[in-house]
Amino acid sequence: MGDDPENVIDRFLRNFDNKFTSDLYDALDALNDRLAQRMRENAFTETEIADAKLSLYDLITVASLVEKETARTSESATIASVIYNRLTNTSATNGLLNIDATILYATGGTVVDTSADTPYNTYRHAGLPPTAIANPGADALRAAVNPESTSYYYYALGDDGVHHFFKTHQEQLSFIATQERYRNG
């Protein structure tokens, strides 16, 4: 208490530097290589690929999304994979992440308003939101830099408290409808 704000921030940054090791920087480079290859397979230009290269700032933003969207740590790497799949195959999702937590962050609300006029509305704006939406923990950072390799583009939280993953939007919608039918008797 009463510590100078600059000292507090300096401690936070030193702690981050101690935890984000050279191995994680190497993993970020490897991740960028994998994402670039997937973008080439999906007909992105070399300029688009270069522009999409993830910085450490971007990685922390992705990790913050994983942090807020994950119900269980075991889902983190799969959720990260959905985010990267959406970013590297815009024909599947138009580059829209459709992440509820970004809207809730921007509006401070408890109801997701997909028409909200905010750059954090990942239903309306393609790509990553402008900043991180949470302080990601170590598990979320690890998942963001080492995502699972999947072909999932969608997920939904089930009544069982875990996320279920889908390749198509229709599969996701069917799952949600089934959940609602069970809930409503």
N, C-alpha and C. Protein backbone atom coordinates (compact mmCIF):
# COMPACT_ATOMS: atom_id res chain seq x y z
N MET A 1 0.84 -1.18 0.00
CA MET A 1 0.00 0.00 0.00
C MET A 1 0.89 1.24 0.00
N GLY A 2 0.46 2.24 -0.72
CA GLY A 2 1.19 3.48 -0.74
C GLY A 2 2.44 3.45 -1.60
N ASP A 3 2.70 2.32 -2.29
CA ASP A 3 3.88 2.24 -3.14
C ASP A 3 3.68 3.12 -4.37
N ASP A 4 4.77 3.67 -4.85
CA ASP A 4 4.75 4.51 -6.05
C ASP A 4 4.25 3.69 -7.23
N PRO A 5 3.28 4.21 -8.02
CA PRO A 5 2.74 3.45 -9.16
C PRO A 5 3.82 2.98 -10.13
N GLU A 6 4.85 3.79 -10.34
CA GLU A 6 5.93 3.38 -11.25
C GLU A 6 6.65 2.14 -10.72
N ASN A 7 6.85 2.06 -9.39
CA ASN A 7 7.49 0.88 -8.80
C ASN A 7 6.61 -0.36 -8.98
N VAL A 8 5.31 -0.19 -8.82
CA VAL A 8 4.39 -1.32 -8.98
C VAL A 8 4.43 -1.83 -10.41
N ILE A 9 4.35 -0.92 -11.37
CA ILE A 9 4.39 -1.32 -12.78
C ILE A 9 5.72 -1.97 -13.11
N ASP A 10 6.80 -1.42 -12.58
CA ASP A 10 8.12 -1.99 -12.82
C ASP A 10 8.20 -3.43 -12.29
N ARG A 11 7.61 -3.67 -11.11
CA ARG A 11 7.59 -5.04 -10.55
C ARG A 11 6.78 -5.97 -11.45
N PHE A 12 5.63 -5.49 -11.93
CA PHE A 12 4.81 -6.31 -12.84
C PHE A 12 5.60 -6.67 -14.09
N LEU A 13 6.29 -5.70 -14.67
CA LEU A 13 7.04 -5.95 -15.90
C LEU A 13 8.21 -6.90 -15.65
N ARG A 14 8.91 -6.74 -14.54
CA ARG A 14 10.01 -7.68 -14.22
C ARG A 14 9.47 -9.09 -14.04
N ASN A 15 8.33 -9.21 -13.36
CA ASN A 15 7.71 -10.52 -13.16
C ASN A 15 7.35 -11.15 -14.51
N PHE A 16 6.78 -10.34 -15.41
CA PHE A 16 6.43 -10.85 -16.74
C PHE A 16 7.68 -11.30 -17.48
N ASP A 17 8.72 -10.48 -17.47
CA ASP A 17 9.96 -10.84 -18.15
C ASP A 17 10.56 -12.13 -17.58
N ASN A 18 10.44 -12.34 -16.28
CA ASN A 18 10.94 -13.58 -15.67
C ASN A 18 10.14 -14.79 -16.12
N LYS A 19 8.85 -14.60 -16.35
CA LYS A 19 8.00 -15.73 -16.72
C LYS A 19 7.95 -15.96 -18.22
N PHE A 20 8.04 -14.90 -19.00
CA PHE A 20 8.01 -15.05 -20.46
C PHE A 20 9.45 -15.24 -20.92
N THR A 21 9.87 -16.48 -20.92
CA THR A 21 11.26 -16.85 -21.16
C THR A 21 11.60 -16.84 -22.64
N SER A 22 12.87 -17.03 -22.91
CA SER A 22 13.30 -17.09 -24.32
C SER A 22 12.64 -18.27 -25.03
N ASP A 23 12.31 -19.33 -24.29
CA ASP A 23 11.60 -20.46 -24.90
C ASP A 23 10.24 -20.02 -25.43
N LEU A 24 9.56 -19.14 -24.69
CA LEU A 24 8.26 -18.66 -25.15
C LEU A 24 8.42 -17.73 -26.34
N TYR A 25 9.47 -16.93 -26.37
CA TYR A 25 9.72 -16.10 -27.56
C TYR A 25 9.99 -16.98 -28.78
N ASP A 26 10.75 -18.06 -28.58
CA ASP A 26 10.99 -19.01 -29.67
C ASP A 26 9.69 -19.66 -30.12
N ALA A 27 8.82 -19.98 -29.15
CA ALA A 27 7.52 -20.58 -29.47
C ALA A 27 6.65 -19.59 -30.25
N LEU A 28 6.74 -18.30 -29.93
CA LEU A 28 6.00 -17.29 -30.68
C LEU A 28 6.48 -17.24 -32.13
N ASP A 29 7.79 -17.32 -32.33
CA ASP A 29 8.32 -17.35 -33.70
C ASP A 29 7.81 -18.58 -34.45
N ALA A 30 7.81 -19.73 -33.79
CA ALA A 30 7.33 -20.96 -34.42
C ALA A 30 5.83 -20.86 -34.71
N LEU A 31 5.08 -20.27 -33.79
CA LEU A 31 3.65 -20.07 -34.02
C LEU A 31 3.43 -19.19 -35.24
N ASN A 32 4.15 -18.09 -35.34
CA ASN A 32 4.01 -17.21 -36.50
C ASN A 32 4.33 -17.95 -37.80
N ASP A 33 5.31 -18.84 -37.77
CA ASP A 33 5.64 -19.64 -38.96
C ASP A 33 4.48 -20.56 -39.34
N ARG A 34 3.87 -21.22 -38.33
CA ARG A 34 2.72 -22.11 -38.60
C ARG A 34 1.53 -21.33 -39.13
N LEU A 35 1.25 -20.18 -38.52
CA LEU A 35 0.12 -19.36 -38.96
C LEU A 35 0.35 -18.84 -40.38
N ALA A 36 1.57 -18.45 -40.70
CA ALA A 36 1.89 -17.97 -42.05
C ALA A 36 1.66 -19.08 -43.07
N GLN A 37 2.05 -20.30 -42.74
CA GLN A 37 1.84 -21.42 -43.66
C GLN A 37 0.35 -21.65 -43.89
N ARG A 38 -0.44 -21.60 -42.84
CA ARG A 38 -1.89 -21.79 -42.98
C ARG A 38 -2.51 -20.67 -43.80
N MET A 39 -2.00 -19.46 -43.63
CA MET A 39 -2.52 -18.34 -44.41
C MET A 39 -2.17 -18.50 -45.88
N ARG A 40 -0.98 -19.00 -46.18
CA ARG A 40 -0.62 -19.27 -47.58
C ARG A 40 -1.56 -20.30 -48.19
N GLU A 41 -1.88 -21.33 -47.41
CA GLU A 41 -2.81 -22.37 -47.88
C GLU A 41 -4.21 -21.80 -48.13
N ASN A 42 -4.53 -20.70 -47.48
CA ASN A 42 -5.86 -20.08 -47.63
C ASN A 42 -5.81 -18.82 -48.49
N ALA A 43 -4.80 -18.73 -49.35
CA ALA A 43 -4.69 -17.71 -50.40
C ALA A 43 -4.50 -16.28 -49.89
N PHE A 44 -3.88 -16.12 -48.73
CA PHE A 44 -3.49 -14.78 -48.29
C PHE A 44 -2.26 -14.35 -49.08
N THR A 45 -2.12 -13.07 -49.31
CA THR A 45 -0.92 -12.56 -49.98
C THR A 45 0.22 -12.49 -48.97
N GLU A 46 1.43 -12.40 -49.48
CA GLU A 46 2.58 -12.28 -48.58
C GLU A 46 2.50 -10.99 -47.75
N THR A 47 1.95 -9.94 -48.33
CA THR A 47 1.78 -8.69 -47.58
C THR A 47 0.79 -8.89 -46.43
N GLU A 48 -0.32 -9.57 -46.71
CA GLU A 48 -1.31 -9.85 -45.66
C GLU A 48 -0.70 -10.72 -44.56
N ILE A 49 0.11 -11.68 -44.96
CA ILE A 49 0.76 -12.56 -43.98
C ILE A 49 1.73 -11.76 -43.11
N ALA A 50 2.52 -10.91 -43.74
CA ALA A 50 3.47 -10.08 -42.98
C ALA A 50 2.74 -9.16 -42.02
N ASP A 51 1.64 -8.58 -42.48
CA ASP A 51 0.86 -7.67 -41.63
C ASP A 51 0.19 -8.39 -40.47
N ALA A 52 -0.08 -9.68 -40.63
CA ALA A 52 -0.78 -10.46 -39.61
C ALA A 52 0.17 -11.10 -38.60
N LYS A 53 1.47 -10.96 -38.81
CA LYS A 53 2.44 -11.57 -37.89
C LYS A 53 2.17 -11.09 -36.47
N LEU A 54 2.06 -12.02 -35.55
CA LEU A 54 1.74 -11.69 -34.17
C LEU A 54 2.95 -11.11 -33.43
N SER A 55 2.71 -9.99 -32.80
CA SER A 55 3.71 -9.41 -31.90
C SER A 55 3.45 -9.97 -30.50
N LEU A 56 4.32 -9.65 -29.58
CA LEU A 56 4.09 -10.04 -28.19
C LEU A 56 2.78 -9.42 -27.69
N TYR A 57 2.52 -8.18 -28.07
CA TYR A 57 1.28 -7.49 -27.71
C TYR A 57 0.06 -8.27 -28.21
N ASP A 58 0.12 -8.71 -29.48
CA ASP A 58 -0.98 -9.50 -30.06
C ASP A 58 -1.15 -10.81 -29.31
N LEU A 59 -0.04 -11.45 -28.99
CA LEU A 59 -0.11 -12.72 -28.27
C LEU A 59 -0.79 -12.53 -26.91
N ILE A 60 -0.47 -11.46 -26.23
CA ILE A 60 -1.11 -11.20 -24.94
C ILE A 60 -2.60 -10.93 -25.14
N THR A 61 -2.96 -10.26 -26.23
CA THR A 61 -4.38 -10.05 -26.54
C THR A 61 -5.08 -11.38 -26.75
N VAL A 62 -4.48 -12.27 -27.54
CA VAL A 62 -5.07 -13.60 -27.75
C VAL A 62 -5.18 -14.33 -26.41
N ALA A 63 -4.13 -14.28 -25.62
CA ALA A 63 -4.16 -14.97 -24.32
C ALA A 63 -5.26 -14.41 -23.43
N SER A 64 -5.52 -13.11 -23.52
CA SER A 64 -6.59 -12.52 -22.71
C SER A 64 -7.95 -13.05 -23.16
N LEU A 65 -8.11 -13.27 -24.46
CA LEU A 65 -9.36 -13.85 -24.97
C LEU A 65 -9.52 -15.28 -24.46
N VAL A 66 -8.44 -16.03 -24.52
CA VAL A 66 -8.45 -17.40 -24.01
C VAL A 66 -8.79 -17.39 -22.52
N GLU A 67 -8.18 -16.49 -21.78
CA GLU A 67 -8.42 -16.39 -20.33
C GLU A 67 -9.89 -16.19 -20.03
N LYS A 68 -10.53 -15.27 -20.76
CA LYS A 68 -11.93 -14.94 -20.47
C LYS A 68 -12.92 -15.96 -21.04
N GLU A 69 -12.53 -16.68 -22.07
CA GLU A 69 -13.45 -17.62 -22.71
C GLU A 69 -13.37 -19.03 -22.15
N THR A 70 -12.30 -19.37 -21.47
CA THR A 70 -12.08 -20.74 -21.01
C THR A 70 -12.85 -21.04 -19.74
N ALA A 71 -13.58 -22.16 -19.78
CA ALA A 71 -14.29 -22.63 -18.59
C ALA A 71 -13.37 -23.52 -17.75
N ARG A 72 -12.52 -24.28 -18.41
CA ARG A 72 -11.57 -25.17 -17.75
C ARG A 72 -10.23 -25.06 -18.44
N THR A 73 -9.16 -25.13 -17.68
CA THR A 73 -7.82 -24.99 -18.25
C THR A 73 -7.59 -25.98 -19.38
N SER A 74 -8.17 -27.15 -19.29
CA SER A 74 -7.97 -28.18 -20.32
C SER A 74 -8.51 -27.73 -21.68
N GLU A 75 -9.35 -26.70 -21.73
CA GLU A 75 -9.92 -26.21 -22.99
C GLU A 75 -9.07 -25.11 -23.62
N SER A 76 -8.14 -24.56 -22.90
CA SER A 76 -7.43 -23.36 -23.32
C SER A 76 -6.78 -23.48 -24.70
N ALA A 77 -6.05 -24.54 -24.93
CA ALA A 77 -5.34 -24.69 -26.20
C ALA A 77 -6.31 -24.90 -27.36
N THR A 78 -7.47 -25.50 -27.09
CA THR A 78 -8.47 -25.69 -28.14
C THR A 78 -9.14 -24.36 -28.48
N ILE A 79 -9.44 -23.57 -27.46
CA ILE A 79 -10.02 -22.25 -27.71
C ILE A 79 -9.02 -21.39 -28.49
N ALA A 80 -7.75 -21.45 -28.14
CA ALA A 80 -6.73 -20.71 -28.88
C ALA A 80 -6.72 -21.16 -30.34
N SER A 81 -6.88 -22.45 -30.56
CA SER A 81 -6.89 -22.95 -31.94
C SER A 81 -8.06 -22.39 -32.73
N VAL A 82 -9.23 -22.27 -32.10
CA VAL A 82 -10.40 -21.69 -32.79
C VAL A 82 -10.10 -20.25 -33.19
N ILE A 83 -9.50 -19.50 -32.28
CA ILE A 83 -9.17 -18.10 -32.58
C ILE A 83 -8.23 -18.03 -33.78
N TYR A 84 -7.18 -18.82 -33.78
CA TYR A 84 -6.22 -18.79 -34.89
C TYR A 84 -6.85 -19.34 -36.18
N ASN A 85 -7.70 -20.34 -36.08
CA ASN A 85 -8.37 -20.85 -37.28
C ASN A 85 -9.21 -19.75 -37.92
N ARG A 86 -9.89 -18.97 -37.11
CA ARG A 86 -10.71 -17.89 -37.64
C ARG A 86 -9.87 -16.78 -38.25
N LEU A 87 -8.72 -16.53 -37.68
CA LEU A 87 -7.85 -15.48 -38.21
C LEU A 87 -7.14 -15.89 -39.49
N THR A 88 -6.88 -17.19 -39.66
CA THR A 88 -6.10 -17.64 -40.81
C THR A 88 -6.94 -18.23 -41.94
N ASN A 89 -8.25 -18.28 -41.76
CA ASN A 89 -9.13 -18.77 -42.83
C ASN A 89 -10.37 -17.89 -42.85
N THR A 90 -10.22 -16.73 -43.48
CA THR A 90 -11.32 -15.76 -43.46
C THR A 90 -12.51 -16.20 -44.30
N SER A 91 -12.34 -17.18 -45.18
CA SER A 91 -13.49 -17.65 -45.95
C SER A 91 -14.48 -18.39 -45.04
N ALA A 92 -14.00 -18.93 -43.94
CA ALA A 92 -14.89 -19.65 -43.02
C ALA A 92 -15.68 -18.70 -42.14
N THR A 93 -15.07 -17.58 -41.72
CA THR A 93 -15.73 -16.71 -40.74
C THR A 93 -15.58 -15.23 -41.05
N ASN A 94 -15.07 -14.90 -42.23
CA ASN A 94 -14.81 -13.50 -42.60
C ASN A 94 -13.85 -12.82 -41.62
N GLY A 95 -13.05 -13.59 -40.92
CA GLY A 95 -12.09 -13.03 -39.97
C GLY A 95 -12.71 -12.55 -38.67
N LEU A 96 -14.01 -12.81 -38.50
CA LEU A 96 -14.70 -12.39 -37.28
C LEU A 96 -14.48 -13.44 -36.20
N LEU A 97 -14.08 -12.98 -35.02
CA LEU A 97 -13.83 -13.91 -33.92
C LEU A 97 -15.11 -14.28 -33.18
N ASN A 98 -16.12 -13.40 -33.18
CA ASN A 98 -17.41 -13.68 -32.52
C ASN A 98 -17.22 -14.12 -31.07
N ILE A 99 -16.44 -13.35 -30.33
CA ILE A 99 -16.16 -13.68 -28.93
C ILE A 99 -16.98 -12.78 -28.02
N ASP A 100 -17.87 -13.42 -27.27
CA ASP A 100 -18.77 -12.69 -26.38
C ASP A 100 -18.02 -11.84 -25.36
N ALA A 101 -16.93 -12.37 -24.83
CA ALA A 101 -16.20 -11.69 -23.76
C ALA A 101 -15.68 -10.31 -24.20
N THR A 102 -15.41 -10.12 -25.49
CA THR A 102 -14.92 -8.81 -25.93
C THR A 102 -16.01 -7.76 -25.82
N ILE A 103 -17.24 -8.15 -26.13
CA ILE A 103 -18.36 -7.21 -26.03
C ILE A 103 -18.65 -6.92 -24.57
N LEU A 104 -18.65 -7.94 -23.74
CA LEU A 104 -18.89 -7.73 -22.31
C LEU A 104 -17.83 -6.82 -21.71
N TYR A 105 -16.60 -6.97 -22.15
CA TYR A 105 -15.52 -6.11 -21.68
C TYR A 105 -15.81 -4.65 -22.04
N ALA A 106 -16.20 -4.42 -23.29
CA ALA A 106 -16.40 -3.05 -23.76
C ALA A 106 -17.64 -2.39 -23.16
N THR A 107 -18.68 -3.17 -22.97
CA THR A 107 -19.94 -2.58 -22.49
C THR A 107 -20.08 -2.64 -20.98
N GLY A 108 -19.25 -3.45 -20.35
CA GLY A 108 -19.38 -3.62 -18.90
C GLY A 108 -20.68 -4.32 -18.53
N GLY A 109 -21.28 -4.94 -19.51
CA GLY A 109 -22.58 -5.57 -19.30
C GLY A 109 -22.52 -7.03 -18.95
N THR A 110 -23.69 -7.59 -18.82
CA THR A 110 -23.83 -9.03 -18.56
C THR A 110 -24.59 -9.71 -19.69
N VAL A 111 -25.08 -8.91 -20.64
CA VAL A 111 -25.78 -9.44 -21.80
C VAL A 111 -24.97 -9.06 -23.04
N VAL A 112 -24.75 -10.03 -23.92
CA VAL A 112 -23.97 -9.80 -25.12
C VAL A 112 -24.85 -9.11 -26.16
N ASP A 113 -24.49 -7.88 -26.48
CA ASP A 113 -25.20 -7.11 -27.50
C ASP A 113 -24.33 -7.07 -28.76
N THR A 114 -24.62 -7.96 -29.70
CA THR A 114 -23.78 -8.07 -30.90
C THR A 114 -23.91 -6.86 -31.82
N SER A 115 -24.83 -5.95 -31.51
CA SER A 115 -24.93 -4.73 -32.31
C SER A 115 -24.20 -3.56 -31.64
N ALA A 116 -23.55 -3.81 -30.52
CA ALA A 116 -22.85 -2.74 -29.79
C ALA A 116 -21.84 -2.05 -30.70
N ASP A 117 -21.83 -0.73 -30.65
CA ASP A 117 -20.93 0.06 -31.47
C ASP A 117 -19.62 0.29 -30.72
N THR A 118 -18.73 -0.67 -30.85
CA THR A 118 -17.44 -0.61 -30.17
C THR A 118 -16.41 -1.39 -31.00
N PRO A 119 -15.16 -0.94 -31.01
CA PRO A 119 -14.14 -1.69 -31.74
C PRO A 119 -13.86 -3.07 -31.12
N TYR A 120 -14.39 -3.30 -29.93
CA TYR A 120 -14.24 -4.60 -29.27
C TYR A 120 -15.32 -5.59 -29.70
N ASN A 121 -16.24 -5.16 -30.55
CA ASN A 121 -17.30 -6.05 -31.01
C ASN A 121 -16.73 -6.94 -32.10
N THR A 122 -16.32 -8.12 -31.72
CA THR A 122 -15.69 -9.06 -32.66
C THR A 122 -16.72 -9.80 -33.50
N TYR A 123 -17.98 -9.41 -33.37
CA TYR A 123 -19.02 -9.87 -34.29
C TYR A 123 -19.13 -8.93 -35.49
N ARG A 124 -18.61 -7.71 -35.33
CA ARG A 124 -18.70 -6.69 -36.39
C ARG A 124 -17.34 -6.32 -36.96
N HIS A 125 -16.28 -6.49 -36.19
CA HIS A 125 -14.94 -6.09 -36.61
C HIS A 125 -14.03 -7.32 -36.68
N ALA A 126 -13.45 -7.53 -37.84
CA ALA A 126 -12.56 -8.67 -38.05
C ALA A 126 -11.24 -8.48 -37.31
N GLY A 127 -10.61 -9.59 -37.01
CA GLY A 127 -9.30 -9.57 -36.37
C GLY A 127 -9.39 -9.42 -34.87
N LEU A 128 -8.24 -9.17 -34.29
CA LEU A 128 -8.15 -9.04 -32.84
C LEU A 128 -8.73 -7.71 -32.38
N PRO A 129 -9.25 -7.67 -31.14
CA PRO A 129 -9.69 -6.38 -30.60
C PRO A 129 -8.47 -5.49 -30.38
N PRO A 130 -8.69 -4.18 -30.14
CA PRO A 130 -7.56 -3.26 -30.05
C PRO A 130 -6.61 -3.49 -28.88
N THR A 131 -7.09 -4.10 -27.80
CA THR A 131 -6.24 -4.34 -26.64
C THR A 131 -6.64 -5.66 -26.00
N ALA A 132 -5.85 -6.08 -25.05
CA ALA A 132 -6.22 -7.24 -24.23
C ALA A 132 -7.48 -6.88 -23.44
N ILE A 133 -8.26 -7.90 -23.10
CA ILE A 133 -9.50 -7.67 -22.35
C ILE A 133 -9.40 -8.19 -20.92
N ALA A 134 -8.25 -8.73 -20.57
CA ALA A 134 -8.03 -9.26 -19.22
C ALA A 134 -6.54 -9.46 -19.02
N ASN A 135 -6.18 -9.74 -17.79
CA ASN A 135 -4.80 -10.08 -17.48
C ASN A 135 -4.67 -11.60 -17.62
N PRO A 136 -4.04 -12.08 -18.69
CA PRO A 136 -3.98 -13.53 -18.88
C PRO A 136 -3.02 -14.20 -17.91
N GLY A 137 -3.42 -15.36 -17.44
CA GLY A 137 -2.55 -16.15 -16.59
C GLY A 137 -1.57 -16.96 -17.41
N ALA A 138 -0.70 -17.67 -16.72
CA ALA A 138 0.34 -18.46 -17.39
C ALA A 138 -0.27 -19.53 -18.29
N ASP A 139 -1.37 -20.17 -17.86
CA ASP A 139 -1.98 -21.22 -18.68
C ASP A 139 -2.51 -20.63 -19.99
N ALA A 140 -3.14 -19.47 -19.92
CA ALA A 140 -3.67 -18.83 -21.13
C ALA A 140 -2.54 -18.41 -22.06
N LEU A 141 -1.44 -17.90 -21.50
CA LEU A 141 -0.29 -17.53 -22.32
C LEU A 141 0.31 -18.75 -23.01
N ARG A 142 0.44 -19.84 -22.27
CA ARG A 142 0.98 -21.07 -22.87
C ARG A 142 0.06 -21.57 -23.98
N ALA A 143 -1.26 -21.52 -23.76
CA ALA A 143 -2.21 -21.97 -24.77
C ALA A 143 -2.15 -21.08 -26.01
N ALA A 144 -2.01 -19.78 -25.81
CA ALA A 144 -1.96 -18.85 -26.93
C ALA A 144 -0.73 -19.06 -27.80
N VAL A 145 0.36 -19.43 -27.18
CA VAL A 145 1.60 -19.63 -27.94
C VAL A 145 1.73 -21.07 -28.45
N ASN A 146 0.99 -21.99 -27.83
CA ASN A 146 1.02 -23.41 -28.23
C ASN A 146 -0.40 -23.94 -28.41
N PRO A 147 -1.13 -23.40 -29.40
CA PRO A 147 -2.52 -23.86 -29.58
C PRO A 147 -2.57 -25.30 -30.07
N GLU A 148 -3.67 -25.93 -29.78
CA GLU A 148 -3.91 -27.25 -30.34
C GLU A 148 -4.04 -27.12 -31.85
N SER A 149 -3.80 -28.18 -32.56
CA SER A 149 -4.02 -28.19 -34.01
C SER A 149 -5.38 -28.85 -34.25
N THR A 150 -6.37 -28.03 -34.60
CA THR A 150 -7.72 -28.55 -34.82
C THR A 150 -8.30 -27.94 -36.10
N SER A 151 -9.45 -28.43 -36.47
CA SER A 151 -10.19 -27.83 -37.58
C SER A 151 -11.50 -27.23 -37.07
N TYR A 152 -11.50 -26.83 -35.81
CA TYR A 152 -12.68 -26.21 -35.22
C TYR A 152 -12.70 -24.70 -35.50
N TYR A 153 -13.92 -24.20 -35.76
CA TYR A 153 -14.12 -22.77 -35.96
C TYR A 153 -15.15 -22.19 -34.98
N TYR A 154 -15.80 -23.06 -34.23
CA TYR A 154 -16.89 -22.63 -33.36
C TYR A 154 -16.85 -23.41 -32.05
N TYR A 155 -17.41 -22.81 -31.02
CA TYR A 155 -17.58 -23.50 -29.75
C TYR A 155 -18.75 -22.88 -29.00
N ALA A 156 -19.25 -23.64 -28.05
CA ALA A 156 -20.34 -23.16 -27.20
C ALA A 156 -20.20 -23.84 -25.85
N LEU A 157 -20.56 -23.10 -24.82
CA LEU A 157 -20.54 -23.64 -23.47
C LEU A 157 -21.79 -24.47 -23.26
N GLY A 158 -21.58 -25.71 -22.87
CA GLY A 158 -22.71 -26.60 -22.63
C GLY A 158 -23.23 -26.50 -21.21
N ASP A 159 -24.39 -27.05 -20.99
CA ASP A 159 -24.97 -27.09 -19.65
C ASP A 159 -24.13 -27.92 -18.69
N ASP A 160 -23.22 -28.71 -19.25
CA ASP A 160 -22.32 -29.52 -18.42
C ASP A 160 -21.12 -28.72 -17.91
N GLY A 161 -21.05 -27.42 -18.28
CA GLY A 161 -19.99 -26.55 -17.78
C GLY A 161 -18.70 -26.61 -18.57
N VAL A 162 -18.68 -27.29 -19.69
CA VAL A 162 -17.49 -27.34 -20.54
C VAL A 162 -17.87 -26.88 -21.94
N HIS A 163 -16.85 -26.45 -22.67
CA HIS A 163 -17.09 -26.04 -24.05
C HIS A 163 -17.11 -27.25 -24.97
N HIS A 164 -17.95 -27.15 -25.97
CA HIS A 164 -18.05 -28.15 -27.02
C HIS A 164 -17.62 -27.45 -28.31
N PHE A 165 -16.87 -28.16 -29.14
CA PHE A 165 -16.22 -27.56 -30.30
C PHE A 165 -16.79 -28.14 -31.59
N PHE A 166 -16.85 -27.28 -32.63
CA PHE A 166 -17.52 -27.65 -33.87
C PHE A 166 -16.74 -27.12 -35.08
N LYS A 167 -16.86 -27.85 -36.17
CA LYS A 167 -16.22 -27.43 -37.42
C LYS A 167 -17.09 -26.44 -38.18
N THR A 168 -18.40 -26.55 -38.04
CA THR A 168 -19.30 -25.68 -38.80
C THR A 168 -20.22 -24.90 -37.88
N HIS A 169 -20.72 -23.79 -38.41
CA HIS A 169 -21.66 -22.98 -37.66
C HIS A 169 -22.97 -23.74 -37.45
N GLN A 170 -23.35 -24.53 -38.43
CA GLN A 170 -24.59 -25.31 -38.30
C GLN A 170 -24.48 -26.32 -37.15
N GLU A 171 -23.34 -26.96 -36.99
CA GLU A 171 -23.14 -27.88 -35.87
C GLU A 171 -23.29 -27.14 -34.54
N GLN A 172 -22.71 -25.95 -34.46
CA GLN A 172 -22.81 -25.14 -33.24
C GLN A 172 -24.27 -24.79 -32.95
N LEU A 173 -24.97 -24.32 -33.97
CA LEU A 173 -26.37 -23.93 -33.79
C LEU A 173 -27.23 -25.12 -33.37
N SER A 174 -26.97 -26.29 -33.94
CA SER A 174 -27.72 -27.49 -33.56
C SER A 174 -27.48 -27.84 -32.10
N PHE A 175 -26.22 -27.73 -31.67
CA PHE A 175 -25.89 -28.01 -30.27
C PHE A 175 -26.61 -27.04 -29.35
N ILE A 176 -26.57 -25.75 -29.69
CA ILE A 176 -27.23 -24.74 -28.85
C ILE A 176 -28.73 -25.01 -28.78
N ALA A 177 -29.34 -25.36 -29.89
CA ALA A 177 -30.78 -25.65 -29.91
C ALA A 177 -31.09 -26.86 -29.04
N THR A 178 -30.24 -27.88 -29.10
CA THR A 178 -30.44 -29.07 -28.26
C THR A 178 -30.34 -28.71 -26.78
N GLN A 179 -29.36 -27.88 -26.43
CA GLN A 179 -29.20 -27.45 -25.05
C GLN A 179 -30.45 -26.71 -24.58
N GLU A 180 -30.97 -25.85 -25.42
CA GLU A 180 -32.17 -25.07 -25.06
C GLU A 180 -33.39 -25.98 -24.91
N ARG A 181 -33.52 -26.98 -25.79
CA ARG A 181 -34.65 -27.92 -25.68
C ARG A 181 -34.61 -28.68 -24.36
N TYR A 182 -33.41 -29.13 -23.97
CA TYR A 182 -33.27 -29.85 -22.70
C TYR A 182 -33.58 -28.94 -21.51
N ARG A 183 -33.13 -27.69 -21.60
CA ARG A 183 -33.35 -26.73 -20.53
C ARG A 183 -34.83 -26.39 -20.37
N ASN A 184 -35.52 -26.31 -21.49
CA ASN A 184 -36.93 -25.89 -21.48
C ASN A 184 -37.89 -27.06 -21.40
N GLY A 185 -37.36 -28.25 -21.19
CA GLY A 185 -38.21 -29.42 -20.99
C GLY A 185 -38.67 -29.99 -22.26
